[in-house]
Protein backbone atom coordinates (compact mmCIF):
# COMPACT_ATOMS: atom_id res chain seq x y z
CA MET A 1 -0.23 -0.58 0.04
CA ASN A 2 1.49 3.15 -1.02
CA HIS A 3 1.07 6.01 1.96
CA GLY A 4 3.44 8.46 0.57
CA HIS A 5 0.40 10.30 -1.37
CA GLY A 6 2.59 10.19 -4.56
CA MET A 7 5.26 12.02 -3.01
CA GLU A 8 8.18 9.30 -3.25
CA GLY A 9 9.61 10.73 -6.75
CA MET A 10 9.83 14.06 -5.32
CA ALA A 11 13.30 15.41 -4.64
CA PRO A 12 14.35 17.45 -2.19
CA THR A 13 13.95 21.29 -1.38
CA SER A 14 16.24 23.11 -3.47
CA GLN A 15 18.14 25.85 -2.09
CA SER A 16 16.68 29.13 -2.66
CA THR A 17 18.48 32.28 -3.67
CA ASN A 18 19.65 33.28 -0.13
CA GLY A 19 20.77 29.96 0.63
CA THR A 20 17.71 28.81 2.86
CA SER A 21 16.43 25.46 2.56
CA GLY A 22 12.22 26.42 1.83
CA MET A 23 11.55 23.63 4.25
CA HIS A 24 12.71 25.05 7.23
CA HIS A 25 11.34 28.34 9.68
CA HIS A 26 13.12 28.22 12.57
CA ASN A 27 13.66 31.42 13.52
CA MET A 28 10.28 33.16 11.61
CA MET A 29 8.22 34.39 13.78
CA MET A 30 4.11 33.27 13.44
CA MET A 31 1.77 35.87 12.56
CA HIS A 32 -2.07 35.55 13.37
CA MET A 33 -4.30 36.05 10.32
CA THR A 34 -7.71 35.00 11.78
CA PHE A 35 -8.68 36.81 15.60
CA PHE A 36 -7.46 34.58 18.07
CA TRP A 37 -8.62 35.35 22.23
CA GLY A 38 -5.65 35.63 24.78
CA ASN A 39 -3.53 37.31 26.61
CA ILE A 40 -0.50 35.86 25.21
CA ALA A 41 -0.10 38.24 22.21
CA GLU A 42 2.59 41.02 21.13
CA ILE A 43 0.66 44.59 20.44
CA LEU A 44 2.86 47.52 18.60
CA PHE A 45 6.18 46.24 20.27
CA SER A 46 8.11 42.72 20.09
CA GLY A 47 7.43 41.38 22.68
CA TRP A 48 5.02 44.07 24.36
CA PRO A 49 2.66 42.61 26.29
CA GLY A 50 4.14 39.20 24.76
CA ARG A 51 4.40 36.23 27.53
CA ARG A 52 3.98 38.72 30.42
CA GLY A 53 1.02 37.69 32.02
CA ALA A 54 -2.96 38.93 31.98
CA GLY A 55 -1.69 42.09 33.95
CA MET A 56 0.25 43.09 31.49
CA TYR A 57 -2.33 42.34 28.57
CA ALA A 58 -4.94 44.01 30.87
CA LEU A 59 -2.19 47.29 30.84
CA ALA A 60 -1.82 46.83 26.69
CA LEU A 61 -5.78 47.22 26.48
CA ILE A 62 -6.54 49.95 28.57
CA PHE A 63 -3.23 51.72 26.65
CA ILE A 64 -5.71 50.64 23.01
CA PHE A 65 -8.33 51.59 25.07
CA VAL A 66 -7.10 55.24 25.35
CA LEU A 67 -5.63 56.11 22.61
CA ALA A 68 -8.83 55.40 20.44
CA PHE A 69 -10.81 57.55 23.18
CA LEU A 70 -7.74 60.25 22.35
CA VAL A 71 -8.30 59.98 18.71
CA GLU A 72 -12.48 61.14 18.85
CA TRP A 73 -11.29 63.84 21.87
CA LEU A 74 -8.75 65.17 18.91
CA SER A 75 -11.63 64.53 16.58
CA HIS A 76 -14.28 66.73 18.06
CA SER A 77 -12.28 69.20 20.40
CA ARG A 78 -12.11 72.43 19.83
CA LEU A 79 -8.82 73.55 20.87
CA ILE A 80 -8.22 76.38 18.62
CA LYS A 81 -10.79 78.58 19.70
CA LEU A 82 -8.55 78.32 23.10
CA LEU A 83 -6.02 80.59 21.17
CA GLY A 84 -8.40 83.57 21.21
CA ASP A 85 -10.02 85.66 18.90
CA GLY A 86 -6.76 87.84 18.45
CA SER A 87 -4.64 84.88 17.03
CA SER A 88 -3.32 84.56 13.51
CA ASN A 89 -4.35 82.55 10.76
CA VAL A 90 -0.69 81.65 10.37
CA LEU A 91 -1.24 80.18 13.79
CA ALA A 92 -4.43 79.38 14.15
CA GLY A 93 -3.44 76.68 10.54
CA VAL A 94 -0.05 75.63 12.55
CA VAL A 95 -1.75 74.35 15.57
CA GLN A 96 -4.83 72.59 13.30
CA THR A 97 -2.03 70.85 11.36
CA LEU A 98 -0.40 69.75 14.76
CA LEU A 99 -3.93 68.52 16.32
CA HIS A 100 -4.03 66.82 13.22
CA ALA A 101 -0.90 64.71 12.98
CA ILE A 102 -1.02 63.85 15.94
CA ARG A 103 -4.68 62.79 15.91
CA VAL A 104 -4.25 60.87 12.56
CA GLY A 105 -1.34 59.41 14.17
CA LEU A 106 -2.67 58.06 17.42
CA ALA A 107 -5.11 56.39 14.59
CA TYR A 108 -2.34 54.71 12.72
CA LEU A 109 -1.37 53.26 16.40
CA VAL A 110 -4.55 51.94 16.97
CA MET A 111 -4.99 50.06 13.42
CA LEU A 112 -1.50 48.80 13.98
CA ALA A 113 -2.62 47.30 17.41
CA VAL A 114 -5.69 46.22 15.91
CA MET A 115 -3.18 44.55 13.07
CA SER A 116 -2.26 42.23 16.36
CA PHE A 117 -5.61 40.10 15.54
CA ASN A 118 -6.39 39.74 19.10
CA GLY A 119 -10.11 39.90 20.12
CA GLY A 120 -9.27 42.14 23.17
CA VAL A 121 -7.43 44.65 21.51
CA PHE A 122 -10.60 44.67 19.00
CA LEU A 123 -13.28 45.54 20.86
CA MET A 124 -11.08 47.76 23.37
CA ALA A 125 -10.02 49.97 20.46
CA VAL A 126 -13.83 50.02 19.75
CA ALA A 127 -15.17 51.03 23.03
CA GLY A 128 -12.43 53.57 23.16
CA HIS A 129 -13.87 55.02 19.66
CA ALA A 130 -17.61 54.61 20.80
CA LEU A 131 -16.81 55.93 24.47
CA GLY A 132 -15.11 58.61 23.01
CA PHE A 133 -17.62 59.55 20.39
CA LEU A 134 -20.58 59.51 22.81
CA LEU A 135 -18.57 62.12 25.26
CA PHE A 136 -17.11 64.16 22.14
CA GLY A 137 -19.15 63.89 19.15
CA SER A 138 -22.59 63.17 19.73
CA ARG A 139 -25.70 65.36 20.73
CA VAL A 140 -26.08 63.80 24.17
CA PHE A 141 -23.83 65.97 26.11
CA LYS A 142 -24.81 69.36 23.57
CA LYS A 143 -27.06 71.91 24.63
CA SER A 144 -29.62 72.61 21.39
CA THR A 145 -28.55 76.39 20.99
CA GLU A 146 -24.90 75.56 21.06
CA MET A 147 -25.98 72.76 17.78
CA LEU A 148 -27.83 75.35 15.97
CA LEU A 149 -25.32 78.15 16.05
CA ASP A 150 -22.59 76.75 15.28
CA ASP A 151 -22.18 73.50 13.22
CA ASN A 152 -18.63 73.10 12.89
CA THR A 153 -18.01 70.59 15.73
CA SER A 154 -14.06 70.34 15.43
CA ASP A 155 -10.93 72.01 15.10
CA PRO A 156 -9.31 68.88 12.22
CA PRO A 157 -11.78 68.08 10.30
CA PRO A 158 -13.35 64.96 11.05
CA MET A 159 -12.01 61.82 9.93
CA ALA A 160 -14.09 60.52 7.12
CA CYS A 161 -14.59 56.93 5.74
């Protein structure tokens, strides 16, 4: 009976151009391509939180939540009004550009964390965005006169999909 499944005539794998065999992957890191659950994960940095336990994993989840929350705060903030009406357009434009750059940088960090494919990280990123939007972007905590007088709700333009 042939249990080789048609592989008995195959030659061994040849060397690739960099001198390694196609069958040996001793030092390669395995990356998840589907969501997984568990506290052993690498989020944003090599080895973090890694196998350091549930406490470090919880800290990583809190960090991702705060990053997502800050993205929403910056998306709906009115920080340029703090400069006052006498500020120049150049100064306001520079501050607006810096706020936008910080917001985009934080949003990319959240995106990279979600790309770890850890289910807990995904849920915390969505929860951070949701709570941030509820507090800063939704109508829940806005006065009706404030919404009628000014339809511009943020300094940097809102992120759009």
